[in-house]
Amino acid sequence: MGRSTTRAALIYQHTAMERDRAIADALGKLTEEAINKQDQDGSGT
């Protein structure tokens, strides 16, 4: 992993996992908003 200790590697993994979740949540919200907007515009989806 390129970290100096196992502890440092675990801390990095945990932080990265939390950040990945935050990004996924934000993208999911944007996607839902876009789908809802299309539905309101009468696109038939």
PDB file of N, CA and C in Angstrom:
ATOM      1  N   MET A   1       0.800  -1.199   0.000  1.00  0.00           N
ATOM      2  CA  MET A   1       0.000   0.000   0.000  1.00  0.00           C
ATOM      3  C   MET A   1       0.840   1.259   0.000  1.00  0.00           C
ATOM      4  N   GLY A   2       2.072   1.151   0.338  1.00  0.00           N
ATOM      5  CA  GLY A   2       2.911   2.324   0.345  1.00  0.00           C
ATOM      6  C   GLY A   2       2.844   3.131   1.624  1.00  0.00           C
ATOM      7  N   ARG A   3       2.254   2.609   2.659  1.00  0.00           N
ATOM      8  CA  ARG A   3       2.175   3.307   3.945  1.00  0.00           C
ATOM      9  C   ARG A   3       3.265   2.763   4.854  1.00  0.00           C
ATOM     10  N   SER A   4       3.699   3.605   5.782  1.00  0.00           N
ATOM     11  CA  SER A   4       4.827   3.230   6.629  1.00  0.00           C
ATOM     12  C   SER A   4       4.478   2.179   7.674  1.00  0.00           C
ATOM     13  N   THR A   5       3.218   2.129   8.092  1.00  0.00           N
ATOM     14  CA  THR A   5       2.799   1.141   9.093  1.00  0.00           C
ATOM     15  C   THR A   5       1.447   0.575   8.706  1.00  0.00           C
ATOM     16  N   THR A   6       1.127  -0.551   9.286  1.00  0.00           N
ATOM     17  CA  THR A   6      -0.190  -1.147   9.072  1.00  0.00           C
ATOM     18  C   THR A   6      -1.273  -0.202   9.567  1.00  0.00           C
ATOM     19  N   ARG A   7      -1.032   0.435  10.692  1.00  0.00           N
ATOM     20  CA  ARG A   7      -2.020   1.372  11.255  1.00  0.00           C
ATOM     21  C   ARG A   7      -2.288   2.524  10.280  1.00  0.00           C
ATOM     22  N   ALA A   8      -1.237   3.071   9.711  1.00  0.00           N
ATOM     23  CA  ALA A   8      -1.400   4.167   8.753  1.00  0.00           C
ATOM     24  C   ALA A   8      -2.196   3.703   7.532  1.00  0.00           C
ATOM     25  N   ALA A   9      -1.941   2.491   7.083  1.00  0.00           N
ATOM     26  CA  ALA A   9      -2.666   1.951   5.938  1.00  0.00           C
ATOM     27  C   ALA A   9      -4.151   1.798   6.264  1.00  0.00           C
ATOM     28  N   LEU A  10      -4.464   1.305   7.457  1.00  0.00           N
ATOM     29  CA  LEU A  10      -5.863   1.132   7.853  1.00  0.00           C
ATOM     30  C   LEU A  10      -6.581   2.471   7.975  1.00  0.00           C
ATOM     31  N   ILE A  11      -5.905   3.464   8.523  1.00  0.00           N
ATOM     32  CA  ILE A  11      -6.496   4.803   8.636  1.00  0.00           C
ATOM     33  C   ILE A  11      -6.784   5.357   7.247  1.00  0.00           C
ATOM     34  N   TYR A  12      -5.829   5.196   6.335  1.00  0.00           N
ATOM     35  CA  TYR A  12      -6.013   5.676   4.963  1.00  0.00           C
ATOM     36  C   TYR A  12      -7.202   4.968   4.304  1.00  0.00           C
ATOM     37  N   GLN A  13      -7.280   3.647   4.449  1.00  0.00           N
ATOM     38  CA  GLN A  13      -8.374   2.891   3.841  1.00  0.00           C
ATOM     39  C   GLN A  13      -9.721   3.352   4.376  1.00  0.00           C
ATOM     40  N   HIS A  14      -9.810   3.547   5.670  1.00  0.00           N
ATOM     41  CA  HIS A  14     -11.066   3.970   6.285  1.00  0.00           C
ATOM     42  C   HIS A  14     -11.478   5.351   5.765  1.00  0.00           C
ATOM     43  N   THR A  15     -10.534   6.262   5.703  1.00  0.00           N
ATOM     44  CA  THR A  15     -10.813   7.617   5.221  1.00  0.00           C
ATOM     45  C   THR A  15     -11.238   7.590   3.761  1.00  0.00           C
ATOM     46  N   ALA A  16     -10.538   6.805   2.960  1.00  0.00           N
ATOM     47  CA  ALA A  16     -10.867   6.708   1.540  1.00  0.00           C
ATOM     48  C   ALA A  16     -12.257   6.104   1.347  1.00  0.00           C
ATOM     49  N   MET A  17     -12.604   5.106   2.149  1.00  0.00           N
ATOM     50  CA  MET A  17     -13.908   4.464   2.052  1.00  0.00           C
ATOM     51  C   MET A  17     -15.016   5.462   2.401  1.00  0.00           C
ATOM     52  N   GLU A  18     -14.803   6.272   3.441  1.00  0.00           N
ATOM     53  CA  GLU A  18     -15.795   7.281   3.812  1.00  0.00           C
ATOM     54  C   GLU A  18     -15.965   8.309   2.697  1.00  0.00           C
ATOM     55  N   ARG A  19     -14.860   8.707   2.092  1.00  0.00           N
ATOM     56  CA  ARG A  19     -14.917   9.698   1.010  1.00  0.00           C
ATOM     57  C   ARG A  19     -15.622   9.116  -0.216  1.00  0.00           C
ATOM     58  N   ASP A  20     -15.325   7.863  -0.533  1.00  0.00           N
ATOM     59  CA  ASP A  20     -16.003   7.201  -1.645  1.00  0.00           C
ATOM     60  C   ASP A  20     -17.509   7.170  -1.417  1.00  0.00           C
ATOM     61  N   ARG A  21     -17.935   6.893  -0.186  1.00  0.00           N
ATOM     62  CA  ARG A  21     -19.353   6.838   0.147  1.00  0.00           C
ATOM     63  C   ARG A  21     -19.986   8.220  -0.024  1.00  0.00           C
ATOM     64  N   ALA A  22     -19.286   9.266   0.414  1.00  0.00           N
ATOM     65  CA  ALA A  22     -19.817  10.626   0.284  1.00  0.00           C
ATOM     66  C   ALA A  22     -19.982  11.007  -1.192  1.00  0.00           C
ATOM     67  N   ILE A  23     -19.023  10.635  -2.012  1.00  0.00           N
ATOM     68  CA  ILE A  23     -19.108  10.925  -3.448  1.00  0.00           C
ATOM     69  C   ILE A  23     -20.269  10.155  -4.069  1.00  0.00           C
ATOM     70  N   ALA A  24     -20.395   8.880  -3.735  1.00  0.00           N
ATOM     71  CA  ALA A  24     -21.481   8.060  -4.277  1.00  0.00           C
ATOM     72  C   ALA A  24     -22.842   8.615  -3.858  1.00  0.00           C
ATOM     73  N   ASP A  25     -22.968   9.030  -2.615  1.00  0.00           N
ATOM     74  CA  ASP A  25     -24.229   9.601  -2.139  1.00  0.00           C
ATOM     75  C   ASP A  25     -24.578  10.877  -2.900  1.00  0.00           C
ATOM     76  N   ALA A  26     -23.588  11.730  -3.113  1.00  0.00           N
ATOM     77  CA  ALA A  26     -23.822  12.984  -3.829  1.00  0.00           C
ATOM     78  C   ALA A  26     -24.219  12.722  -5.280  1.00  0.00           C
ATOM     79  N   LEU A  27     -23.543  11.778  -5.931  1.00  0.00           N
ATOM     80  CA  LEU A  27     -23.886  11.453  -7.313  1.00  0.00           C
ATOM     81  C   LEU A  27     -25.287  10.837  -7.399  1.00  0.00           C
ATOM     82  N   GLY A  28     -25.625  10.019  -6.428  1.00  0.00           N
ATOM     83  CA  GLY A  28     -26.962   9.429  -6.410  1.00  0.00           C
ATOM     84  C   GLY A  28     -28.038  10.498  -6.273  1.00  0.00           C
ATOM     85  N   LYS A  29     -27.785  11.474  -5.427  1.00  0.00           N
ATOM     86  CA  LYS A  29     -28.747  12.562  -5.234  1.00  0.00           C
ATOM     87  C   LYS A  29     -28.905  13.381  -6.515  1.00  0.00           C
ATOM     88  N   LEU A  30     -27.792  13.689  -7.167  1.00  0.00           N
ATOM     89  CA  LEU A  30     -27.860  14.441  -8.426  1.00  0.00           C
ATOM     90  C   LEU A  30     -28.626  13.660  -9.498  1.00  0.00           C
ATOM     91  N   THR A  31     -28.405  12.353  -9.534  1.00  0.00           N
ATOM     92  CA  THR A  31     -29.087  11.508 -10.503  1.00  0.00           C
ATOM     93  C   THR A  31     -30.587  11.496 -10.246  1.00  0.00           C
ATOM     94  N   GLU A  32     -30.978  11.331  -8.989  1.00  0.00           N
ATOM     95  CA  GLU A  32     -32.399  11.338  -8.655  1.00  0.00           C
ATOM     96  C   GLU A  32     -33.045  12.667  -9.023  1.00  0.00           C
ATOM     97  N   GLU A  33     -32.359  13.767  -8.752  1.00  0.00           N
ATOM     98  CA  GLU A  33     -32.900  15.090  -9.084  1.00  0.00           C
ATOM     99  C   GLU A  33     -33.065  15.242 -10.590  1.00  0.00           C
ATOM    100  N   ALA A  34     -32.106  14.750 -11.361  1.00  0.00           N
ATOM    101  CA  ALA A  34     -32.189  14.853 -12.820  1.00  0.00           C
ATOM    102  C   ALA A  34     -33.342  14.011 -13.352  1.00  0.00           C
ATOM    103  N   ILE A  35     -33.516  12.815 -12.810  1.00  0.00           N
ATOM    104  CA  ILE A  35     -34.619  11.951 -13.240  1.00  0.00           C
ATOM    105  C   ILE A  35     -35.956  12.593 -12.898  1.00  0.00           C
ATOM    106  N   ASN A  36     -36.074  13.129 -11.684  1.00  0.00           N
ATOM    107  CA  ASN A  36     -37.318  13.783 -11.283  1.00  0.00           C
ATOM    108  C   ASN A  36     -37.618  14.992 -12.151  1.00  0.00           C
ATOM    109  N   LYS A  37     -36.591  15.739 -12.514  1.00  0.00           N
ATOM    110  CA  LYS A  37     -36.774  16.911 -13.369  1.00  0.00           C
ATOM    111  C   LYS A  37     -37.265  16.486 -14.756  1.00  0.00           C
ATOM    112  N   GLN A  38     -36.694  15.416 -15.286  1.00  0.00           N
ATOM    113  CA  GLN A  38     -37.149  14.916 -16.592  1.00  0.00           C
ATOM    114  C   GLN A  38     -38.603  14.484 -16.523  1.00  0.00           C
ATOM    115  N   ASP A  39     -38.978  13.802 -15.467  1.00  0.00           N
ATOM    116  CA  ASP A  39     -40.361  13.356 -15.302  1.00  0.00           C
ATOM    117  C   ASP A  39     -41.315  14.544 -15.248  1.00  0.00           C
ATOM    118  N   GLN A  40     -40.917  15.600 -14.566  1.00  0.00           N
ATOM    119  CA  GLN A  40     -41.765  16.793 -14.461  1.00  0.00           C
ATOM    120  C   GLN A  40     -41.875  17.513 -15.801  1.00  0.00           C
ATOM    121  N   ASP A  41     -40.822  17.408 -16.614  1.00  0.00           N
ATOM    122  CA  ASP A  41     -40.834  18.065 -17.924  1.00  0.00           C
ATOM    123  C   ASP A  41     -41.666  17.305 -18.946  1.00  0.00           C
ATOM    124  N   GLY A  42     -42.168  16.110 -18.560  1.00  0.00           N
ATOM    125  CA  GLY A  42     -43.023  15.344 -19.457  1.00  0.00           C
ATOM    126  C   GLY A  42     -42.257  14.570 -20.510  1.00  0.00           C
ATOM    127  N   SER A  43     -41.073  14.137 -20.171  1.00  0.00           N
ATOM    128  CA  SER A  43     -40.272  13.390 -21.139  1.00  0.00           C
ATOM    129  C   SER A  43     -40.752  11.958 -21.309  1.00  0.00           C
ATOM    130  N   GLY A  44     -41.627  11.508 -20.424  1.00  0.00           N
ATOM    131  CA  GLY A  44     -42.179  10.166 -20.547  1.00  0.00           C
ATOM    132  C   GLY A  44     -41.311   9.077 -19.945  1.00  0.00           C
ATOM    133  N   THR A  45     -40.316   9.425 -19.178  1.00  0.00           N
ATOM    134  CA  THR A  45     -39.472   8.399 -18.560  1.00  0.00           C
ATOM    135  C   THR A  45     -39.943   8.084 -17.177  1.00  0.00           C
TER     136      THR A  45
END
